[in-house]
Amino acid sequence: MKEKQALTTGDVARFCGVNFRTVIRWIERGHLEAYKLPGRGDNRIPVAGFISFLQRNNMPVPDELLHGGHRLLLLTANEDFSAELAACVRKAGWDCLLLNDPLLFGYRLAELQPAALVVTSASAKDSVARLLRDTEQRDRLLLVISEDIASGNCPESWHCFQWPRDQQALLALLSDSSAS
């Protein structure tokens, strides 16, 4: 599906788990960008516009639509701010997969080869560092985001942010990284 430039209302409905009539309503109300084909007037939704729609509405982007996109794995220890953090990440243009099981996190790391990893505790950072030694080497954005992290305690090659105080700095870093 990576070659597709546009999707049908049926494609979008399937990705979102809704009826195709709901997709048509989204188009009619201006929530979803689309154009009509000449003749029958069928709607087509540009893939980039659909991905933007998903991100604006904090919905996951299907793997098959990510063109080497910006996927981020978030390993959380059930912190209260995890949902807010995931929403923030999506606003910056990243597809976020939120996990609280370290074993599943390691599996998804190997399977998906995400462009960024986020942990919400310093101890989780050490576990992820061990996992990274056993995976394919590539440039990844490594982030520790916690309510009680001190910026001076940030290890080399990691970016540390205190939540929610450093939210704007985090957004700036993620937005800069998604633009490149």
N, C-alpha and C. Protein backbone atom coordinates (compact mmCIF):
# COMPACT_ATOMS: atom_id res chain seq x y z
N MET A 1 0.82 -1.20 0.00
CA MET A 1 0.00 0.00 0.00
C MET A 1 0.86 1.26 0.00
N LYS A 2 2.18 1.13 0.13
CA LYS A 2 3.05 2.30 0.20
C LYS A 2 3.01 3.12 -1.09
N GLU A 3 2.67 2.47 -2.25
CA GLU A 3 2.64 3.20 -3.50
C GLU A 3 1.39 4.07 -3.64
N LYS A 4 0.35 3.76 -2.90
CA LYS A 4 -0.90 4.50 -3.03
C LYS A 4 -0.73 5.96 -2.66
N GLN A 5 -1.33 6.80 -3.48
CA GLN A 5 -1.34 8.23 -3.21
C GLN A 5 -2.64 8.65 -2.54
N ALA A 6 -3.70 7.84 -2.76
CA ALA A 6 -5.01 8.17 -2.21
C ALA A 6 -5.73 6.89 -1.80
N LEU A 7 -6.67 7.06 -0.87
CA LEU A 7 -7.45 5.95 -0.34
C LEU A 7 -8.92 6.14 -0.67
N THR A 8 -9.67 5.05 -0.72
CA THR A 8 -11.11 5.13 -0.89
C THR A 8 -11.75 5.35 0.47
N THR A 9 -13.03 5.70 0.48
CA THR A 9 -13.74 5.83 1.75
C THR A 9 -13.80 4.47 2.45
N GLY A 10 -13.86 3.40 1.69
CA GLY A 10 -13.86 2.06 2.28
C GLY A 10 -12.54 1.74 2.96
N ASP A 11 -11.40 2.16 2.33
CA ASP A 11 -10.09 1.96 2.95
C ASP A 11 -10.01 2.68 4.29
N VAL A 12 -10.41 3.95 4.29
CA VAL A 12 -10.36 4.77 5.50
C VAL A 12 -11.27 4.18 6.58
N ALA A 13 -12.46 3.74 6.17
CA ALA A 13 -13.40 3.14 7.13
C ALA A 13 -12.79 1.90 7.78
N ARG A 14 -12.13 1.08 6.97
CA ARG A 14 -11.51 -0.14 7.50
C ARG A 14 -10.39 0.21 8.48
N PHE A 15 -9.55 1.17 8.14
CA PHE A 15 -8.46 1.57 9.04
C PHE A 15 -8.99 2.12 10.36
N CYS A 16 -10.12 2.84 10.31
CA CYS A 16 -10.66 3.48 11.51
C CYS A 16 -11.68 2.62 12.24
N GLY A 17 -12.12 1.54 11.62
CA GLY A 17 -13.11 0.68 12.26
C GLY A 17 -14.49 1.32 12.31
N VAL A 18 -14.83 2.07 11.26
CA VAL A 18 -16.13 2.73 11.19
C VAL A 18 -16.80 2.38 9.87
N ASN A 19 -18.06 2.77 9.71
CA ASN A 19 -18.79 2.58 8.47
C ASN A 19 -18.32 3.62 7.45
N PHE A 20 -18.35 3.27 6.17
CA PHE A 20 -17.89 4.21 5.15
C PHE A 20 -18.75 5.48 5.13
N ARG A 21 -20.01 5.40 5.58
CA ARG A 21 -20.86 6.60 5.65
C ARG A 21 -20.31 7.59 6.67
N THR A 22 -19.70 7.09 7.74
CA THR A 22 -19.07 7.97 8.73
C THR A 22 -17.92 8.74 8.07
N VAL A 23 -17.16 8.06 7.24
CA VAL A 23 -16.05 8.71 6.54
C VAL A 23 -16.59 9.80 5.62
N ILE A 24 -17.67 9.52 4.94
CA ILE A 24 -18.28 10.54 4.06
C ILE A 24 -18.73 11.75 4.88
N ARG A 25 -19.30 11.51 6.06
CA ARG A 25 -19.69 12.63 6.94
C ARG A 25 -18.47 13.44 7.36
N TRP A 26 -17.35 12.77 7.69
CA TRP A 26 -16.12 13.49 8.05
C TRP A 26 -15.69 14.39 6.90
N ILE A 27 -15.80 13.88 5.68
CA ILE A 27 -15.41 14.67 4.50
C ILE A 27 -16.36 15.86 4.35
N GLU A 28 -17.67 15.60 4.42
CA GLU A 28 -18.66 16.67 4.24
C GLU A 28 -18.54 17.76 5.29
N ARG A 29 -18.15 17.40 6.50
CA ARG A 29 -18.01 18.37 7.59
C ARG A 29 -16.64 19.06 7.60
N GLY A 30 -15.76 18.67 6.67
CA GLY A 30 -14.46 19.31 6.57
C GLY A 30 -13.41 18.77 7.53
N HIS A 31 -13.68 17.66 8.19
CA HIS A 31 -12.71 17.08 9.11
C HIS A 31 -11.62 16.29 8.38
N LEU A 32 -11.95 15.80 7.20
CA LEU A 32 -11.03 14.94 6.44
C LEU A 32 -10.93 15.46 5.02
N GLU A 33 -9.70 15.72 4.59
CA GLU A 33 -9.43 16.23 3.24
C GLU A 33 -9.74 15.15 2.21
N ALA A 34 -10.43 15.53 1.13
CA ALA A 34 -10.75 14.58 0.06
C ALA A 34 -11.05 15.34 -1.23
N TYR A 35 -11.08 14.60 -2.32
CA TYR A 35 -11.49 15.16 -3.60
C TYR A 35 -12.39 14.14 -4.29
N LYS A 36 -13.21 14.62 -5.24
CA LYS A 36 -14.12 13.74 -5.96
C LYS A 36 -13.54 13.39 -7.32
N LEU A 37 -13.71 12.14 -7.70
CA LEU A 37 -13.30 11.70 -9.03
C LEU A 37 -14.32 12.18 -10.06
N PRO A 38 -13.87 12.53 -11.26
CA PRO A 38 -14.82 12.92 -12.29
C PRO A 38 -15.74 11.73 -12.65
N GLY A 39 -16.91 12.03 -13.08
CA GLY A 39 -17.83 10.96 -13.48
C GLY A 39 -18.73 10.58 -12.32
N ARG A 40 -18.43 9.46 -11.65
CA ARG A 40 -19.30 8.96 -10.58
C ARG A 40 -19.23 9.81 -9.32
N GLY A 41 -18.14 10.53 -9.12
CA GLY A 41 -18.03 11.40 -7.96
C GLY A 41 -17.57 10.70 -6.69
N ASP A 42 -16.91 9.55 -6.85
CA ASP A 42 -16.37 8.86 -5.68
C ASP A 42 -15.31 9.71 -5.00
N ASN A 43 -15.27 9.63 -3.68
CA ASN A 43 -14.28 10.38 -2.91
C ASN A 43 -12.94 9.64 -2.88
N ARG A 44 -11.87 10.40 -2.90
CA ARG A 44 -10.54 9.86 -2.68
C ARG A 44 -9.87 10.73 -1.61
N ILE A 45 -9.19 10.07 -0.68
CA ILE A 45 -8.55 10.75 0.44
C ILE A 45 -7.04 10.61 0.27
N PRO A 46 -6.32 11.73 0.12
CA PRO A 46 -4.87 11.65 0.01
C PRO A 46 -4.28 11.00 1.27
N VAL A 47 -3.32 10.11 1.08
CA VAL A 47 -2.73 9.38 2.21
C VAL A 47 -2.16 10.36 3.24
N ALA A 48 -1.44 11.37 2.78
CA ALA A 48 -0.84 12.34 3.72
C ALA A 48 -1.92 13.06 4.53
N GLY A 49 -3.03 13.41 3.89
CA GLY A 49 -4.13 14.07 4.59
C GLY A 49 -4.78 13.15 5.61
N PHE A 50 -4.88 11.85 5.27
CA PHE A 50 -5.45 10.88 6.19
C PHE A 50 -4.56 10.69 7.41
N ILE A 51 -3.26 10.62 7.18
CA ILE A 51 -2.31 10.48 8.30
C ILE A 51 -2.41 11.71 9.21
N SER A 52 -2.50 12.90 8.62
CA SER A 52 -2.66 14.12 9.43
C SER A 52 -3.94 14.08 10.24
N PHE A 53 -5.02 13.62 9.62
CA PHE A 53 -6.31 13.48 10.31
C PHE A 53 -6.16 12.55 11.51
N LEU A 54 -5.51 11.41 11.32
CA LEU A 54 -5.31 10.47 12.42
C LEU A 54 -4.50 11.10 13.55
N GLN A 55 -3.43 11.79 13.20
CA GLN A 55 -2.58 12.41 14.21
C GLN A 55 -3.31 13.52 14.95
N ARG A 56 -4.08 14.34 14.24
CA ARG A 56 -4.85 15.42 14.89
C ARG A 56 -5.85 14.86 15.89
N ASN A 57 -6.34 13.68 15.62
CA ASN A 57 -7.36 13.07 16.48
C ASN A 57 -6.79 12.00 17.41
N ASN A 58 -5.46 12.01 17.56
CA ASN A 58 -4.77 11.08 18.46
C ASN A 58 -5.15 9.62 18.19
N MET A 59 -5.23 9.28 16.91
CA MET A 59 -5.54 7.91 16.50
C MET A 59 -4.27 7.27 15.95
N PRO A 60 -4.08 5.97 16.14
CA PRO A 60 -2.87 5.33 15.64
C PRO A 60 -2.83 5.30 14.11
N VAL A 61 -1.63 5.47 13.57
CA VAL A 61 -1.43 5.40 12.12
C VAL A 61 -1.11 3.95 11.77
N PRO A 62 -1.86 3.34 10.85
CA PRO A 62 -1.58 1.95 10.47
C PRO A 62 -0.16 1.80 9.93
N ASP A 63 0.48 0.70 10.31
CA ASP A 63 1.86 0.45 9.88
C ASP A 63 2.03 0.55 8.38
N GLU A 64 1.07 0.04 7.63
CA GLU A 64 1.22 0.02 6.18
C GLU A 64 1.17 1.41 5.55
N LEU A 65 0.74 2.42 6.30
CA LEU A 65 0.71 3.78 5.77
C LEU A 65 1.95 4.59 6.16
N LEU A 66 2.73 4.06 7.08
CA LEU A 66 3.94 4.77 7.50
C LEU A 66 5.03 4.54 6.47
N HIS A 67 5.47 5.60 5.84
CA HIS A 67 6.52 5.50 4.83
C HIS A 67 7.86 5.72 5.50
N GLY A 68 8.30 4.70 6.25
CA GLY A 68 9.51 4.89 7.03
C GLY A 68 9.30 6.02 8.00
N GLY A 69 8.06 6.19 8.39
CA GLY A 69 7.63 7.33 9.18
C GLY A 69 8.27 7.41 10.54
N HIS A 70 7.70 8.20 11.35
CA HIS A 70 8.24 8.47 12.65
C HIS A 70 7.45 7.71 13.70
N ARG A 71 7.91 6.50 13.96
CA ARG A 71 7.28 5.65 14.95
C ARG A 71 8.09 5.73 16.23
N LEU A 72 7.39 5.83 17.34
CA LEU A 72 8.02 5.97 18.65
C LEU A 72 7.42 4.92 19.59
N LEU A 73 8.28 4.21 20.30
CA LEU A 73 7.83 3.28 21.33
C LEU A 73 7.99 3.95 22.67
N LEU A 74 6.94 3.88 23.47
CA LEU A 74 6.93 4.51 24.79
C LEU A 74 6.75 3.42 25.84
N LEU A 75 7.78 3.20 26.65
CA LEU A 75 7.72 2.23 27.74
C LEU A 75 7.40 2.99 29.01
N THR A 76 6.26 2.68 29.57
CA THR A 76 5.80 3.40 30.75
C THR A 76 5.61 2.44 31.92
N ALA A 77 5.73 2.98 33.10
CA ALA A 77 5.50 2.20 34.31
C ALA A 77 4.15 2.61 34.92
N ASN A 78 3.15 2.78 34.05
CA ASN A 78 1.79 3.15 34.45
C ASN A 78 1.70 4.53 35.11
N GLU A 79 2.54 5.46 34.69
CA GLU A 79 2.45 6.82 35.22
C GLU A 79 1.15 7.47 34.77
N ASP A 80 0.67 8.38 35.58
CA ASP A 80 -0.57 9.07 35.28
C ASP A 80 -0.48 9.92 34.02
N PHE A 81 0.72 10.38 33.68
CA PHE A 81 0.86 11.29 32.56
C PHE A 81 1.09 10.60 31.22
N SER A 82 1.10 9.28 31.17
CA SER A 82 1.42 8.55 29.93
C SER A 82 0.48 8.88 28.78
N ALA A 83 -0.82 8.96 29.04
CA ALA A 83 -1.78 9.29 27.98
C ALA A 83 -1.54 10.69 27.45
N GLU A 84 -1.27 11.64 28.36
CA GLU A 84 -0.96 13.02 27.94
C GLU A 84 0.30 13.06 27.10
N LEU A 85 1.31 12.31 27.54
CA LEU A 85 2.58 12.25 26.82
C LEU A 85 2.38 11.67 25.42
N ALA A 86 1.61 10.60 25.31
CA ALA A 86 1.34 9.99 24.00
C ALA A 86 0.62 10.99 23.09
N ALA A 87 -0.32 11.74 23.62
CA ALA A 87 -1.03 12.75 22.83
C ALA A 87 -0.07 13.84 22.36
N CYS A 88 0.84 14.25 23.22
CA CYS A 88 1.84 15.26 22.88
C CYS A 88 2.73 14.77 21.74
N VAL A 89 3.15 13.52 21.83
CA VAL A 89 4.01 12.92 20.80
C VAL A 89 3.28 12.90 19.45
N ARG A 90 2.00 12.54 19.47
CA ARG A 90 1.22 12.49 18.23
C ARG A 90 1.05 13.88 17.62
N LYS A 91 0.91 14.90 18.47
CA LYS A 91 0.80 16.27 17.96
C LYS A 91 2.05 16.70 17.22
N ALA A 92 3.18 16.13 17.61
CA ALA A 92 4.45 16.48 16.96
C ALA A 92 4.67 15.67 15.68
N GLY A 93 3.67 14.85 15.28
CA GLY A 93 3.78 14.13 14.03
C GLY A 93 4.33 12.72 14.14
N TRP A 94 4.38 12.19 15.32
CA TRP A 94 4.91 10.85 15.54
C TRP A 94 3.78 9.87 15.82
N ASP A 95 3.94 8.65 15.34
CA ASP A 95 3.01 7.57 15.69
C ASP A 95 3.56 6.93 16.95
N CYS A 96 2.75 6.88 17.99
CA CYS A 96 3.21 6.44 19.30
C CYS A 96 2.56 5.11 19.67
N LEU A 97 3.39 4.16 20.08
CA LEU A 97 2.91 2.90 20.60
C LEU A 97 3.26 2.86 22.08
N LEU A 98 2.24 2.84 22.92
CA LEU A 98 2.39 2.90 24.37
C LEU A 98 2.39 1.48 24.93
N LEU A 99 3.46 1.11 25.63
CA LEU A 99 3.60 -0.23 26.20
C LEU A 99 4.00 -0.14 27.66
N ASN A 100 3.49 -1.07 28.49
CA ASN A 100 3.91 -1.09 29.89
C ASN A 100 4.55 -2.42 30.27
N ASP A 101 4.73 -3.30 29.31
CA ASP A 101 5.37 -4.60 29.53
C ASP A 101 6.75 -4.57 28.89
N PRO A 102 7.83 -4.64 29.69
CA PRO A 102 9.19 -4.58 29.13
C PRO A 102 9.48 -5.70 28.12
N LEU A 103 8.92 -6.87 28.33
CA LEU A 103 9.14 -7.98 27.40
C LEU A 103 8.52 -7.67 26.04
N LEU A 104 7.29 -7.19 26.05
CA LEU A 104 6.62 -6.81 24.81
C LEU A 104 7.33 -5.63 24.15
N PHE A 105 7.82 -4.71 24.98
CA PHE A 105 8.58 -3.57 24.46
C PHE A 105 9.80 -4.06 23.67
N GLY A 106 10.54 -5.02 24.24
CA GLY A 106 11.71 -5.57 23.55
C GLY A 106 11.34 -6.24 22.24
N TYR A 107 10.23 -6.98 22.26
CA TYR A 107 9.76 -7.64 21.04
C TYR A 107 9.41 -6.62 19.97
N ARG A 108 8.62 -5.59 20.36
CA ARG A 108 8.21 -4.57 19.39
C ARG A 108 9.40 -3.74 18.90
N LEU A 109 10.39 -3.53 19.75
CA LEU A 109 11.60 -2.84 19.33
C LEU A 109 12.28 -3.60 18.20
N ALA A 110 12.44 -4.90 18.36
CA ALA A 110 13.07 -5.72 17.32
C ALA A 110 12.21 -5.80 16.06
N GLU A 111 10.91 -5.90 16.26
CA GLU A 111 9.99 -6.06 15.12
C GLU A 111 9.84 -4.78 14.31
N LEU A 112 9.64 -3.66 14.99
CA LEU A 112 9.28 -2.41 14.31
C LEU A 112 10.46 -1.52 13.97
N GLN A 113 11.57 -1.68 14.67
CA GLN A 113 12.73 -0.81 14.48
C GLN A 113 12.31 0.67 14.48
N PRO A 114 11.74 1.14 15.60
CA PRO A 114 11.23 2.52 15.65
C PRO A 114 12.35 3.55 15.58
N ALA A 115 11.97 4.76 15.20
CA ALA A 115 12.93 5.85 15.08
C ALA A 115 13.22 6.50 16.42
N ALA A 116 12.36 6.26 17.43
CA ALA A 116 12.57 6.87 18.74
C ALA A 116 12.05 5.94 19.83
N LEU A 117 12.71 6.03 20.99
CA LEU A 117 12.32 5.27 22.17
C LEU A 117 12.17 6.23 23.34
N VAL A 118 11.11 6.03 24.11
CA VAL A 118 10.87 6.87 25.29
C VAL A 118 10.67 5.95 26.48
N VAL A 119 11.32 6.29 27.58
CA VAL A 119 11.08 5.59 28.85
C VAL A 119 10.70 6.64 29.88
N THR A 120 9.97 6.20 30.91
CA THR A 120 9.51 7.15 31.91
C THR A 120 10.16 6.93 33.27
N SER A 121 11.28 6.19 33.27
CA SER A 121 12.05 6.03 34.51
C SER A 121 13.50 5.75 34.15
N ALA A 122 14.40 6.15 35.03
CA ALA A 122 15.83 5.93 34.79
C ALA A 122 16.16 4.44 34.78
N SER A 123 15.48 3.65 35.60
CA SER A 123 15.77 2.22 35.62
C SER A 123 15.36 1.56 34.29
N ALA A 124 14.28 2.01 33.70
CA ALA A 124 13.86 1.48 32.40
C ALA A 124 14.88 1.85 31.33
N LYS A 125 15.51 3.01 31.47
CA LYS A 125 16.53 3.43 30.52
C LYS A 125 17.67 2.42 30.47
N ASP A 126 18.08 1.92 31.63
CA ASP A 126 19.16 0.93 31.68
C ASP A 126 18.76 -0.36 30.97
N SER A 127 17.53 -0.80 31.16
CA SER A 127 17.04 -2.00 30.48
C SER A 127 17.01 -1.81 28.97
N VAL A 128 16.53 -0.65 28.53
CA VAL A 128 16.46 -0.37 27.10
C VAL A 128 17.87 -0.28 26.51
N ALA A 129 18.80 0.30 27.25
CA ALA A 129 20.19 0.37 26.77
C ALA A 129 20.75 -1.03 26.53
N ARG A 130 20.44 -1.97 27.42
CA ARG A 130 20.88 -3.36 27.21
C ARG A 130 20.22 -3.97 25.97
N LEU A 131 18.93 -3.70 25.78
CA LEU A 131 18.25 -4.20 24.59
C LEU A 131 18.87 -3.65 23.31
N LEU A 132 19.23 -2.38 23.33
CA LEU A 132 19.78 -1.75 22.14
C LEU A 132 21.13 -2.34 21.74
N ARG A 133 21.88 -2.84 22.71
CA ARG A 133 23.15 -3.49 22.38
C ARG A 133 22.95 -4.73 21.54
N ASP A 134 21.75 -5.36 21.67
CA ASP A 134 21.47 -6.60 20.96
C ASP A 134 20.67 -6.40 19.68
N THR A 135 20.39 -5.17 19.32
CA THR A 135 19.61 -4.92 18.10
C THR A 135 20.48 -4.24 17.06
N GLU A 136 19.91 -4.14 15.87
CA GLU A 136 20.60 -3.50 14.76
C GLU A 136 20.93 -2.06 15.12
N GLN A 137 22.15 -1.66 14.88
CA GLN A 137 22.58 -0.29 15.19
C GLN A 137 22.00 0.67 14.16
N ARG A 138 21.36 1.70 14.63
CA ARG A 138 20.84 2.76 13.76
C ARG A 138 20.64 3.99 14.61
N ASP A 139 20.53 5.12 13.94
CA ASP A 139 20.27 6.35 14.67
C ASP A 139 18.86 6.32 15.22
N ARG A 140 18.77 6.53 16.50
CA ARG A 140 17.46 6.57 17.18
C ARG A 140 17.46 7.75 18.14
N LEU A 141 16.32 8.31 18.29
CA LEU A 141 16.12 9.34 19.29
C LEU A 141 15.79 8.62 20.59
N LEU A 142 16.59 8.85 21.64
CA LEU A 142 16.41 8.19 22.94
C LEU A 142 16.03 9.23 23.97
N LEU A 143 14.87 9.01 24.62
CA LEU A 143 14.33 10.01 25.53
C LEU A 143 13.95 9.40 26.88
N VAL A 144 14.29 10.14 27.94
CA VAL A 144 13.78 9.82 29.27
C VAL A 144 12.87 10.98 29.64
N ILE A 145 11.60 10.66 29.92
CA ILE A 145 10.63 11.68 30.28
C ILE A 145 10.00 11.25 31.59
N SER A 146 10.20 12.07 32.60
CA SER A 146 9.73 11.70 33.93
C SER A 146 9.34 12.95 34.70
N GLU A 147 8.54 12.76 35.72
CA GLU A 147 8.15 13.89 36.56
C GLU A 147 9.26 14.30 37.51
N ASP A 148 10.22 13.42 37.72
CA ASP A 148 11.26 13.70 38.72
C ASP A 148 12.69 13.56 38.19
N ILE A 149 12.88 13.70 36.88
CA ILE A 149 14.23 13.59 36.32
C ILE A 149 14.96 14.92 36.47
N ALA A 150 16.22 14.85 36.80
CA ALA A 150 17.05 16.06 36.86
C ALA A 150 17.85 16.13 35.57
N SER A 151 17.84 17.27 34.92
CA SER A 151 18.50 17.39 33.62
C SER A 151 20.00 17.09 33.69
N GLY A 152 20.62 17.28 34.84
CA GLY A 152 22.04 16.98 34.99
C GLY A 152 22.33 15.49 35.06
N ASN A 153 21.31 14.67 35.27
CA ASN A 153 21.49 13.22 35.37
C ASN A 153 21.22 12.50 34.07
N CYS A 154 21.30 13.18 32.97
CA CYS A 154 20.98 12.59 31.68
C CYS A 154 22.23 11.94 31.07
N PRO A 155 22.17 10.65 30.80
CA PRO A 155 23.33 9.97 30.24
C PRO A 155 23.59 10.39 28.79
N GLU A 156 24.80 10.16 28.36
CA GLU A 156 25.20 10.50 27.00
C GLU A 156 24.29 9.79 25.99
N SER A 157 23.96 10.44 24.92
CA SER A 157 23.11 9.99 23.81
C SER A 157 21.63 9.93 24.17
N TRP A 158 21.24 10.30 25.38
CA TRP A 158 19.84 10.36 25.77
C TRP A 158 19.45 11.81 25.96
N HIS A 159 18.18 12.11 25.70
CA HIS A 159 17.61 13.43 25.98
C HIS A 159 16.68 13.26 27.17
N CYS A 160 16.80 14.12 28.15
CA CYS A 160 15.97 14.01 29.36
C CYS A 160 15.05 15.23 29.48
N PHE A 161 13.80 14.94 29.80
CA PHE A 161 12.80 16.00 29.95
C PHE A 161 11.99 15.74 31.22
N GLN A 162 11.73 16.81 31.95
CA GLN A 162 10.86 16.70 33.12
C GLN A 162 9.44 17.02 32.67
N TRP A 163 8.52 16.13 33.00
CA TRP A 163 7.12 16.30 32.61
C TRP A 163 6.32 16.91 33.74
N PRO A 164 5.51 17.90 33.50
CA PRO A 164 5.17 18.55 32.24
C PRO A 164 5.99 19.80 31.96
N ARG A 165 6.91 20.13 32.86
CA ARG A 165 7.67 21.38 32.75
C ARG A 165 8.33 21.55 31.39
N ASP A 166 8.95 20.49 30.84
CA ASP A 166 9.71 20.58 29.60
C ASP A 166 8.90 20.17 28.37
N GLN A 167 7.59 20.24 28.46
CA GLN A 167 6.74 19.78 27.36
C GLN A 167 7.02 20.54 26.06
N GLN A 168 7.20 21.84 26.13
CA GLN A 168 7.45 22.62 24.91
C GLN A 168 8.80 22.26 24.29
N ALA A 169 9.80 22.04 25.12
CA ALA A 169 11.12 21.64 24.60
C ALA A 169 11.03 20.26 23.94
N LEU A 170 10.26 19.36 24.54
CA LEU A 170 10.05 18.03 23.95
C LEU A 170 9.36 18.15 22.60
N LEU A 171 8.30 18.95 22.54
CA LEU A 171 7.60 19.16 21.26
C LEU A 171 8.54 19.72 20.20
N ALA A 172 9.38 20.65 20.59
CA ALA A 172 10.32 21.24 19.63
C ALA A 172 11.30 20.19 19.11
N LEU A 173 11.84 19.37 20.00
CA LEU A 173 12.77 18.32 19.57
C LEU A 173 12.09 17.32 18.65
N LEU A 174 10.89 16.87 19.02
CA LEU A 174 10.18 15.90 18.18
C LEU A 174 9.76 16.51 16.84
N SER A 175 9.33 17.75 16.84
CA SER A 175 8.94 18.41 15.58
C SER A 175 10.14 18.57 14.67
N ASP A 176 11.29 18.96 15.21
CA ASP A 176 12.50 19.09 14.41
C ASP A 176 12.91 17.75 13.84
N SER A 177 12.79 16.69 14.64
CA SER A 177 13.19 15.35 14.20
C SER A 177 12.24 14.80 13.17
N SER A 178 10.95 15.14 13.26
CA SER A 178 9.99 14.62 12.27
C SER A 178 10.11 15.36 10.95
N ALA A 179 10.63 16.58 10.99
CA ALA A 179 10.80 17.34 9.74
C ALA A 179 11.98 16.84 8.94
N SER A 180 12.93 16.21 9.61
CA SER A 180 14.13 15.75 8.89
C SER A 180 13.95 14.37 8.31
